[in-house]
């Protein structure tokens, strides 16, 4: 497929272009297609075990494993970026492309700014705001009395740890970064009268812990980052389940655009 990929904050990726039935034009594109076919086989395998032997765990499996999803594989100059979106159809769509850009560039654009690679907290810039959240404290009547704003930024590395020995095939390739669009938040505190004037003793505190799952305001279900590896690591038969599988859609000469 030749065409354009539109990235719009909070929405699944949009693809425009005509289907390309020609073989991949470059070694990078061939590698991208191989990676996509292998990941599709791993997803098919997950479907089988979560509907069979391990069905008892299906409710707590990651979203991209328990619901239909579309997969977009971008082979960058220094690694592989994989994004899982809610399926636009009941049938899983898997697309692949090779792009002359770094993982650091691609991760920021395709994660809604939530994922930054190869930076530290001291490297963050003013426009690295990530995902914005607002906590509101209300009184008994529901009137806001306090507002707190904060941003969420996930920082990862596109490199394997020094001295790490990659398992040999048929072991599944190591995922450098894996994030979900649903996070768990835990807040601790204590209950106190609204007219309290002095700090109570620790032994007198009525402590509590609040726990909640929060869906991030993003268009993706999950994101994975992989290192660049030889083709021998990305053999679809390593995850074969016996079902028939169609090849991925190949995107060539792809243009990535961020919608305003």
C-alpha atoms as a PDB file:
ATOM      1  CA  UNK A   1       0.000   0.000   0.000  1.00  0.00           C
ATOM      2  CA  UNK A   2       1.320   3.425  -0.915  1.00  0.00           C
ATOM      3  CA  UNK A   3      -0.125   6.433   0.789  1.00  0.00           C
ATOM      4  CA  UNK A   4      -0.417   8.441   3.978  1.00  0.00           C
ATOM      5  CA  UNK A   5      -0.759   7.655   7.665  1.00  0.00           C
ATOM      6  CA  UNK A   6      -2.563  10.319   9.687  1.00  0.00           C
ATOM      7  CA  UNK A   7      -1.866  10.507  13.424  1.00  0.00           C
ATOM      8  CA  UNK A   8      -4.572  12.332  15.389  1.00  0.00           C
ATOM      9  CA  UNK A   9      -4.418  12.605  19.155  1.00  0.00           C
ATOM     10  CA  UNK A  10      -6.913  10.357  20.904  1.00  0.00           C
ATOM     11  CA  UNK A  11      -7.933   8.487  17.750  1.00  0.00           C
ATOM     12  CA  UNK A  12      -6.827   5.306  15.949  1.00  0.00           C
ATOM     13  CA  UNK A  13      -4.459   5.747  13.010  1.00  0.00           C
ATOM     14  CA  UNK A  14      -6.005   6.614   9.657  1.00  0.00           C
ATOM     15  CA  UNK A  15      -4.636   5.110   6.449  1.00  0.00           C
ATOM     16  CA  UNK A  16      -5.090   6.423   2.933  1.00  0.00           C
ATOM     17  CA  UNK A  17      -3.821   4.831  -0.257  1.00  0.00           C
ATOM     18  CA  UNK A  18      -4.228   1.999  -2.718  1.00  0.00           C
ATOM     19  CA  UNK A  19      -3.360  -1.611  -2.011  1.00  0.00           C
ATOM     20  CA  UNK A  20       0.112  -2.559  -3.257  1.00  0.00           C
ATOM     21  CA  UNK A  21       0.362  -6.132  -4.544  1.00  0.00           C
ATOM     22  CA  UNK A  22       4.027  -5.852  -5.586  1.00  0.00           C
ATOM     23  CA  UNK A  23       6.781  -7.442  -3.470  1.00  0.00           C
ATOM     24  CA  UNK A  24       8.596  -5.151  -0.998  1.00  0.00           C
ATOM     25  CA  UNK A  25      11.101  -2.928  -2.783  1.00  0.00           C
ATOM     26  CA  UNK A  26      13.908  -2.849  -0.206  1.00  0.00           C
ATOM     27  CA  UNK A  27      15.561  -5.070   2.385  1.00  0.00           C
ATOM     28  CA  UNK A  28      14.144  -2.804   5.113  1.00  0.00           C
ATOM     29  CA  UNK A  29      10.605  -3.166   3.757  1.00  0.00           C
ATOM     30  CA  UNK A  30      11.011  -6.954   3.498  1.00  0.00           C
ATOM     31  CA  UNK A  31      12.151  -7.033   7.125  1.00  0.00           C
ATOM     32  CA  UNK A  32       9.187  -4.897   8.195  1.00  0.00           C
ATOM     33  CA  UNK A  33       6.761  -7.265   6.438  1.00  0.00           C
ATOM     34  CA  UNK A  34       8.421 -10.281   8.068  1.00  0.00           C
ATOM     35  CA  UNK A  35       8.133  -8.687  11.525  1.00  0.00           C
ATOM     36  CA  UNK A  36       4.456  -7.908  10.964  1.00  0.00           C
ATOM     37  CA  UNK A  37       3.684 -11.465   9.818  1.00  0.00           C
ATOM     38  CA  UNK A  38       5.480 -12.881  12.872  1.00  0.00           C
ATOM     39  CA  UNK A  39       3.614 -10.597  15.298  1.00  0.00           C
ATOM     40  CA  UNK A  40       0.329 -11.571  13.659  1.00  0.00           C
ATOM     41  CA  UNK A  41       1.162 -15.223  14.275  1.00  0.00           C
ATOM     42  CA  UNK A  42       1.907 -14.460  17.929  1.00  0.00           C
ATOM     43  CA  UNK A  43      -1.479 -12.712  18.228  1.00  0.00           C
ATOM     44  CA  UNK A  44      -3.214 -15.682  16.599  1.00  0.00           C
ATOM     45  CA  UNK A  45      -1.508 -17.928  19.126  1.00  0.00           C
ATOM     46  CA  UNK A  46      -2.682 -15.714  21.990  1.00  0.00           C
ATOM     47  CA  UNK A  47      -6.248 -15.912  20.636  1.00  0.00           C
ATOM     48  CA  UNK A  48      -6.065 -19.699  20.739  1.00  0.00           C
ATOM     49  CA  UNK A  49      -4.701 -20.094  24.257  1.00  0.00           C
ATOM     50  CA  UNK A  50      -6.971 -17.391  25.749  1.00  0.00           C
ATOM     51  CA  UNK A  51     -10.020 -19.108  24.280  1.00  0.00           C
ATOM     52  CA  UNK A  52      -8.739 -22.543  25.282  1.00  0.00           C
ATOM     53  CA  UNK A  53      -6.227 -23.687  27.871  1.00  0.00           C
ATOM     54  CA  UNK A  54      -5.864 -20.292  29.573  1.00  0.00           C
ATOM     55  CA  UNK A  55      -9.392 -18.947  29.122  1.00  0.00           C
ATOM     56  CA  UNK A  56      -9.507 -18.230  32.861  1.00  0.00           C
ATOM     57  CA  UNK A  57      -6.994 -15.405  32.300  1.00  0.00           C
ATOM     58  CA  UNK A  58      -8.734 -13.782  29.334  1.00  0.00           C
ATOM     59  CA  UNK A  59     -10.396 -11.083  31.458  1.00  0.00           C
ATOM     60  CA  UNK A  60      -7.047  -9.783  32.732  1.00  0.00           C
ATOM     61  CA  UNK A  61      -5.018 -10.178  29.549  1.00  0.00           C
ATOM     62  CA  UNK A  62      -3.745  -6.986  27.866  1.00  0.00           C
ATOM     63  CA  UNK A  63      -6.353  -5.288  25.711  1.00  0.00           C
ATOM     64  CA  UNK A  64      -4.572  -6.039  22.445  1.00  0.00           C
ATOM     65  CA  UNK A  65      -4.855  -9.745  23.280  1.00  0.00           C
ATOM     66  CA  UNK A  66      -8.473  -9.851  24.393  1.00  0.00           C
ATOM     67  CA  UNK A  67     -10.166  -7.710  21.742  1.00  0.00           C
ATOM     68  CA  UNK A  68      -9.861  -7.252  17.961  1.00  0.00           C
ATOM     69  CA  UNK A  69      -7.045  -4.866  17.123  1.00  0.00           C
ATOM     70  CA  UNK A  70      -5.206  -3.409  14.150  1.00  0.00           C
ATOM     71  CA  UNK A  71      -1.410  -3.569  14.166  1.00  0.00           C
ATOM     72  CA  UNK A  72       0.992  -1.103  12.568  1.00  0.00           C
ATOM     73  CA  UNK A  73       4.681  -2.018  12.378  1.00  0.00           C
ATOM     74  CA  UNK A  74       7.165   0.741  11.603  1.00  0.00           C
ATOM     75  CA  UNK A  75      10.737  -0.369  10.976  1.00  0.00           C
ATOM     76  CA  UNK A  76      12.852   2.656  11.887  1.00  0.00           C
ATOM     77  CA  UNK A  77      16.560   3.241  11.343  1.00  0.00           C
ATOM     78  CA  UNK A  78      17.435   2.035  14.854  1.00  0.00           C
ATOM     79  CA  UNK A  79      14.599  -0.242  15.927  1.00  0.00           C
ATOM     80  CA  UNK A  80      11.009  -1.367  15.464  1.00  0.00           C
ATOM     81  CA  UNK A  81       7.924   0.546  16.629  1.00  0.00           C
ATOM     82  CA  UNK A  82       4.655  -1.398  16.957  1.00  0.00           C
ATOM     83  CA  UNK A  83       1.309   0.233  17.671  1.00  0.00           C
ATOM     84  CA  UNK A  84      -1.928  -1.635  18.451  1.00  0.00           C
ATOM     85  CA  UNK A  85      -5.235   0.186  17.819  1.00  0.00           C
ATOM     86  CA  UNK A  86      -8.855  -0.868  18.271  1.00  0.00           C
ATOM     87  CA  UNK A  87      -9.888  -2.718  15.125  1.00  0.00           C
ATOM     88  CA  UNK A  88     -11.793  -0.699  12.544  1.00  0.00           C
ATOM     89  CA  UNK A  89     -13.352  -3.987  11.428  1.00  0.00           C
ATOM     90  CA  UNK A  90     -13.987  -7.291  13.179  1.00  0.00           C
ATOM     91  CA  UNK A  91     -11.080  -8.774  11.225  1.00  0.00           C
ATOM     92  CA  UNK A  92      -7.579  -7.887  12.414  1.00  0.00           C
ATOM     93  CA  UNK A  93      -5.606  -5.680  10.017  1.00  0.00           C
ATOM     94  CA  UNK A  94      -1.796  -5.819  10.096  1.00  0.00           C
ATOM     95  CA  UNK A  95       0.252  -3.207   8.223  1.00  0.00           C
ATOM     96  CA  UNK A  96       3.978  -2.725   7.876  1.00  0.00           C
ATOM     97  CA  UNK A  97       6.302  -0.022   6.590  1.00  0.00           C
ATOM     98  CA  UNK A  98       9.965   0.958   6.698  1.00  0.00           C
ATOM     99  CA  UNK A  99      10.755   4.590   7.393  1.00  0.00           C
ATOM    100  CA  UNK A 100      13.949   6.639   7.418  1.00  0.00           C
ATOM    101  CA  UNK A 101      13.386   8.050  10.902  1.00  0.00           C
ATOM    102  CA  UNK A 102      14.609   7.198  14.388  1.00  0.00           C
ATOM    103  CA  UNK A 103      12.605   5.465  17.081  1.00  0.00           C
ATOM    104  CA  UNK A 104      12.880   8.588  19.216  1.00  0.00           C
ATOM    105  CA  UNK A 105      11.080  10.665  16.567  1.00  0.00           C
ATOM    106  CA  UNK A 106       8.442   8.062  15.780  1.00  0.00           C
ATOM    107  CA  UNK A 107       7.642   7.168  19.410  1.00  0.00           C
ATOM    108  CA  UNK A 108       6.774  10.719  20.340  1.00  0.00           C
ATOM    109  CA  UNK A 109       4.551  11.307  17.288  1.00  0.00           C
ATOM    110  CA  UNK A 110       2.734   7.969  17.390  1.00  0.00           C
ATOM    111  CA  UNK A 111       2.167   7.784  21.174  1.00  0.00           C
ATOM    112  CA  UNK A 112       0.298  11.086  21.540  1.00  0.00           C
ATOM    113  CA  UNK A 113       3.437  12.435  23.205  1.00  0.00           C
ATOM    114  CA  UNK A 114       3.166   9.924  26.052  1.00  0.00           C
ATOM    115  CA  UNK A 115       6.347   7.960  25.269  1.00  0.00           C
ATOM    116  CA  UNK A 116       9.805   9.533  25.053  1.00  0.00           C
ATOM    117  CA  UNK A 117      12.870   7.457  24.257  1.00  0.00           C
ATOM    118  CA  UNK A 118      16.502   7.915  25.189  1.00  0.00           C
ATOM    119  CA  UNK A 119      15.989  10.991  27.355  1.00  0.00           C
ATOM    120  CA  UNK A 120      16.151  11.663  31.073  1.00  0.00           C
ATOM    121  CA  UNK A 121      13.977  13.937  33.235  1.00  0.00           C
ATOM    122  CA  UNK A 122      16.671  16.608  32.934  1.00  0.00           C
ATOM    123  CA  UNK A 123      16.301  16.556  29.124  1.00  0.00           C
ATOM    124  CA  UNK A 124      12.585  17.344  29.024  1.00  0.00           C
ATOM    125  CA  UNK A 125      11.633  20.458  27.107  1.00  0.00           C
ATOM    126  CA  UNK A 126       8.757  22.869  27.696  1.00  0.00           C
ATOM    127  CA  UNK A 127       6.649  21.220  24.987  1.00  0.00           C
ATOM    128  CA  UNK A 128       7.195  17.720  26.459  1.00  0.00           C
ATOM    129  CA  UNK A 129       3.897  17.822  28.313  1.00  0.00           C
ATOM    130  CA  UNK A 130       2.783  14.236  27.788  1.00  0.00           C
ATOM    131  CA  UNK A 131      -0.795  13.456  28.816  1.00  0.00           C
ATOM    132  CA  UNK A 132      -2.502  16.065  30.986  1.00  0.00           C
ATOM    133  CA  UNK A 133      -4.671  15.123  33.986  1.00  0.00           C
ATOM    134  CA  UNK A 134      -6.674  17.151  36.480  1.00  0.00           C
ATOM    135  CA  UNK A 135      -7.688  16.082  39.987  1.00  0.00           C
ATOM    136  CA  UNK A 136     -10.621  17.934  41.543  1.00  0.00           C
ATOM    137  CA  UNK A 137     -11.522  17.910  45.238  1.00  0.00           C
ATOM    138  CA  UNK A 138     -15.145  18.740  46.022  1.00  0.00           C
ATOM    139  CA  UNK A 139     -17.070  19.460  49.191  1.00  0.00           C
ATOM    140  CA  UNK A 140     -20.157  17.573  50.359  1.00  0.00           C
ATOM    141  CA  UNK A 141     -22.300  19.530  47.879  1.00  0.00           C
ATOM    142  CA  UNK A 142     -20.073  18.718  44.913  1.00  0.00           C
ATOM    143  CA  UNK A 143     -18.553  22.192  44.691  1.00  0.00           C
ATOM    144  CA  UNK A 144     -14.875  22.092  43.635  1.00  0.00           C
ATOM    145  CA  UNK A 145     -12.572  23.277  46.405  1.00  0.00           C
ATOM    146  CA  UNK A 146      -9.192  22.245  44.974  1.00  0.00           C
ATOM    147  CA  UNK A 147      -7.766  21.494  41.536  1.00  0.00           C
ATOM    148  CA  UNK A 148      -4.491  19.767  40.829  1.00  0.00           C
ATOM    149  CA  UNK A 149      -3.006  19.326  37.370  1.00  0.00           C
ATOM    150  CA  UNK A 150      -0.208  16.968  36.397  1.00  0.00           C
ATOM    151  CA  UNK A 151       1.184  15.362  33.272  1.00  0.00           C
ATOM    152  CA  UNK A 152       2.134  11.759  32.576  1.00  0.00           C
ATOM    153  CA  UNK A 153       5.241  11.013  30.511  1.00  0.00           C
ATOM    154  CA  UNK A 154       6.707   7.531  30.051  1.00  0.00           C
ATOM    155  CA  UNK A 155      10.452   7.363  29.457  1.00  0.00           C
ATOM    156  CA  UNK A 156      12.169   4.347  27.929  1.00  0.00           C
ATOM    157  CA  UNK A 157      15.326   3.236  26.138  1.00  0.00           C
ATOM    158  CA  UNK A 158      15.747   2.024  22.579  1.00  0.00           C
ATOM    159  CA  UNK A 159      18.886   0.086  23.516  1.00  0.00           C
ATOM    160  CA  UNK A 160      19.483  -3.255  25.169  1.00  0.00           C
ATOM    161  CA  UNK A 161      21.311  -3.134  28.521  1.00  0.00           C
ATOM    162  CA  UNK A 162      25.092  -3.364  28.215  1.00  0.00           C
ATOM    163  CA  UNK A 163      26.249  -6.959  28.183  1.00  0.00           C
ATOM    164  CA  UNK A 164      22.769  -8.398  27.664  1.00  0.00           C
ATOM    165  CA  UNK A 165      22.787 -11.674  25.687  1.00  0.00           C
ATOM    166  CA  UNK A 166      19.810 -11.953  23.341  1.00  0.00           C
ATOM    167  CA  UNK A 167      18.164 -15.409  23.519  1.00  0.00           C
ATOM    168  CA  UNK A 168      18.592 -17.356  20.306  1.00  0.00           C
ATOM    169  CA  UNK A 169      15.679 -18.220  18.011  1.00  0.00           C
ATOM    170  CA  UNK A 170      13.072 -19.621  18.299  1.00  0.00           C
ATOM    171  CA  UNK A 171      12.783 -17.501  21.466  1.00  0.00           C
ATOM    172  CA  UNK A 172      10.504 -14.535  20.909  1.00  0.00           C
ATOM    173  CA  UNK A 173      12.432 -11.264  20.373  1.00  0.00           C
ATOM    174  CA  UNK A 174      12.897  -9.198  23.515  1.00  0.00           C
ATOM    175  CA  UNK A 175      10.563  -6.208  23.843  1.00  0.00           C
ATOM    176  CA  UNK A 176      12.550  -3.129  24.912  1.00  0.00           C
ATOM    177  CA  UNK A 177       9.479  -1.107  25.895  1.00  0.00           C
ATOM    178  CA  UNK A 178       5.874  -2.188  26.320  1.00  0.00           C
ATOM    179  CA  UNK A 179       3.121   0.158  27.499  1.00  0.00           C
ATOM    180  CA  UNK A 180      -0.663  -0.116  27.802  1.00  0.00           C
ATOM    181  CA  UNK A 181      -3.348   2.527  27.409  1.00  0.00           C
ATOM    182  CA  UNK A 182      -4.885   1.516  30.720  1.00  0.00           C
ATOM    183  CA  UNK A 183      -2.964   2.231  33.922  1.00  0.00           C
ATOM    184  CA  UNK A 184      -3.534   1.579  37.615  1.00  0.00           C
ATOM    185  CA  UNK A 185      -3.487   4.510  40.009  1.00  0.00           C
ATOM    186  CA  UNK A 186      -3.167   4.126  43.769  1.00  0.00           C
ATOM    187  CA  UNK A 187      -3.669   7.025  46.167  1.00  0.00           C
ATOM    188  CA  UNK A 188      -3.093   6.933  49.898  1.00  0.00           C
ATOM    189  CA  UNK A 189      -4.341   9.365  52.539  1.00  0.00           C
ATOM    190  CA  UNK A 190      -6.289   9.708  55.732  1.00  0.00           C
ATOM    191  CA  UNK A 191      -9.762  10.891  56.693  1.00  0.00           C
ATOM    192  CA  UNK A 192      -9.930  14.054  58.805  1.00  0.00           C
ATOM    193  CA  UNK A 193     -12.685  16.456  59.902  1.00  0.00           C
ATOM    194  CA  UNK A 194     -13.038  19.483  57.647  1.00  0.00           C
ATOM    195  CA  UNK A 195     -12.692  21.778  60.671  1.00  0.00           C
ATOM    196  CA  UNK A 196      -9.529  20.107  61.995  1.00  0.00           C
ATOM    197  CA  UNK A 197      -7.090  22.740  63.287  1.00  0.00           C
ATOM    198  CA  UNK A 198      -4.222  20.563  64.519  1.00  0.00           C
ATOM    199  CA  UNK A 199      -2.346  17.651  63.010  1.00  0.00           C
ATOM    200  CA  UNK A 200      -3.541  14.406  64.654  1.00  0.00           C
ATOM    201  CA  UNK A 201      -1.168  11.793  66.011  1.00  0.00           C
ATOM    202  CA  UNK A 202      -0.221   9.034  63.608  1.00  0.00           C
ATOM    203  CA  UNK A 203      -1.897   6.434  65.799  1.00  0.00           C
ATOM    204  CA  UNK A 204      -5.196   8.355  65.547  1.00  0.00           C
ATOM    205  CA  UNK A 205      -5.271   8.575  61.753  1.00  0.00           C
ATOM    206  CA  UNK A 206      -7.979   6.795  59.799  1.00  0.00           C
ATOM    207  CA  UNK A 207      -5.886   5.825  56.752  1.00  0.00           C
ATOM    208  CA  UNK A 208      -7.190   4.703  53.397  1.00  0.00           C
ATOM    209  CA  UNK A 209      -5.895   3.500  50.029  1.00  0.00           C
ATOM    210  CA  UNK A 210      -7.865   4.217  46.858  1.00  0.00           C
ATOM    211  CA  UNK A 211      -7.196   2.165  43.740  1.00  0.00           C
ATOM    212  CA  UNK A 212      -8.558   2.693  40.244  1.00  0.00           C
ATOM    213  CA  UNK A 213      -7.888   1.732  36.630  1.00  0.00           C
ATOM    214  CA  UNK A 214      -7.678   4.732  34.323  1.00  0.00           C
ATOM    215  CA  UNK A 215      -8.045   4.707  30.538  1.00  0.00           C
ATOM    216  CA  UNK A 216      -5.524   7.112  29.040  1.00  0.00           C
ATOM    217  CA  UNK A 217      -6.883   9.664  26.523  1.00  0.00           C
ATOM    218  CA  UNK A 218      -5.013   8.130  23.582  1.00  0.00           C
ATOM    219  CA  UNK A 219      -5.911   6.453  20.305  1.00  0.00           C
ATOM    220  CA  UNK A 220      -3.852   3.282  20.878  1.00  0.00           C
ATOM    221  CA  UNK A 221      -4.320   0.169  22.987  1.00  0.00           C
ATOM    222  CA  UNK A 222      -0.646  -0.688  23.396  1.00  0.00           C
ATOM    223  CA  UNK A 223       2.812   0.176  22.083  1.00  0.00           C
ATOM    224  CA  UNK A 224       5.885  -2.041  21.837  1.00  0.00           C
ATOM    225  CA  UNK A 225       9.507  -1.253  20.929  1.00  0.00           C
ATOM    226  CA  UNK A 226      11.910  -3.899  19.612  1.00  0.00           C
ATOM    227  CA  UNK A 227      15.588  -3.775  18.626  1.00  0.00           C
ATOM    228  CA  UNK A 228      16.676  -4.367  15.047  1.00  0.00           C
ATOM    229  CA  UNK A 229      17.311  -8.098  14.685  1.00  0.00           C
ATOM    230  CA  UNK A 230      18.185 -10.547  11.933  1.00  0.00           C
ATOM    231  CA  UNK A 231      15.345 -12.141   9.965  1.00  0.00           C
ATOM    232  CA  UNK A 232      15.951 -15.448  11.753  1.00  0.00           C
ATOM    233  CA  UNK A 233      14.285 -13.988  14.865  1.00  0.00           C
ATOM    234  CA  UNK A 234      11.098 -13.065  13.015  1.00  0.00           C
ATOM    235  CA  UNK A 235       9.945 -16.401  11.621  1.00  0.00           C
ATOM    236  CA  UNK A 236       6.159 -16.727  11.723  1.00  0.00           C
ATOM    237  CA  UNK A 237       6.388 -20.498  12.172  1.00  0.00           C
ATOM    238  CA  UNK A 238       7.883 -19.998  15.624  1.00  0.00           C
ATOM    239  CA  UNK A 239       4.389 -18.976  16.735  1.00  0.00           C
ATOM    240  CA  UNK A 240       2.425 -21.180  14.358  1.00  0.00           C
ATOM    241  CA  UNK A 241      -0.843 -22.518  15.729  1.00  0.00           C
ATOM    242  CA  UNK A 242      -1.962 -24.484  12.694  1.00  0.00           C
ATOM    243  CA  UNK A 243      -4.470 -21.911  11.476  1.00  0.00           C
ATOM    244  CA  UNK A 244      -4.177 -20.294   8.072  1.00  0.00           C
ATOM    245  CA  UNK A 245      -2.792 -16.767   8.077  1.00  0.00           C
ATOM    246  CA  UNK A 246      -2.829 -13.981   5.521  1.00  0.00           C
ATOM    247  CA  UNK A 247       0.187 -11.763   4.998  1.00  0.00           C
ATOM    248  CA  UNK A 248       0.318  -8.196   6.243  1.00  0.00           C
ATOM    249  CA  UNK A 249      -0.471  -5.160   4.117  1.00  0.00           C
ATOM    250  CA  UNK A 250       2.761  -3.507   3.015  1.00  0.00           C
ATOM    251  CA  UNK A 251       3.021   0.284   3.010  1.00  0.00           C
ATOM    252  CA  UNK A 252       5.766   1.696   0.798  1.00  0.00           C
ATOM    253  CA  UNK A 253       6.880   5.320   0.437  1.00  0.00           C
ATOM    254  CA  UNK A 254       4.731   6.095   3.457  1.00  0.00           C
ATOM    255  CA  UNK A 255       4.112   9.642   4.672  1.00  0.00           C
ATOM    256  CA  UNK A 256       3.288  10.233   8.361  1.00  0.00           C
ATOM    257  CA  UNK A 257       1.186  13.307   9.102  1.00  0.00           C
ATOM    258  CA  UNK A 258      -0.003  14.650  12.457  1.00  0.00           C
ATOM    259  CA  UNK A 259      -3.531  16.088  12.346  1.00  0.00           C
ATOM    260  CA  UNK A 260      -4.037  19.445  14.030  1.00  0.00           C
END
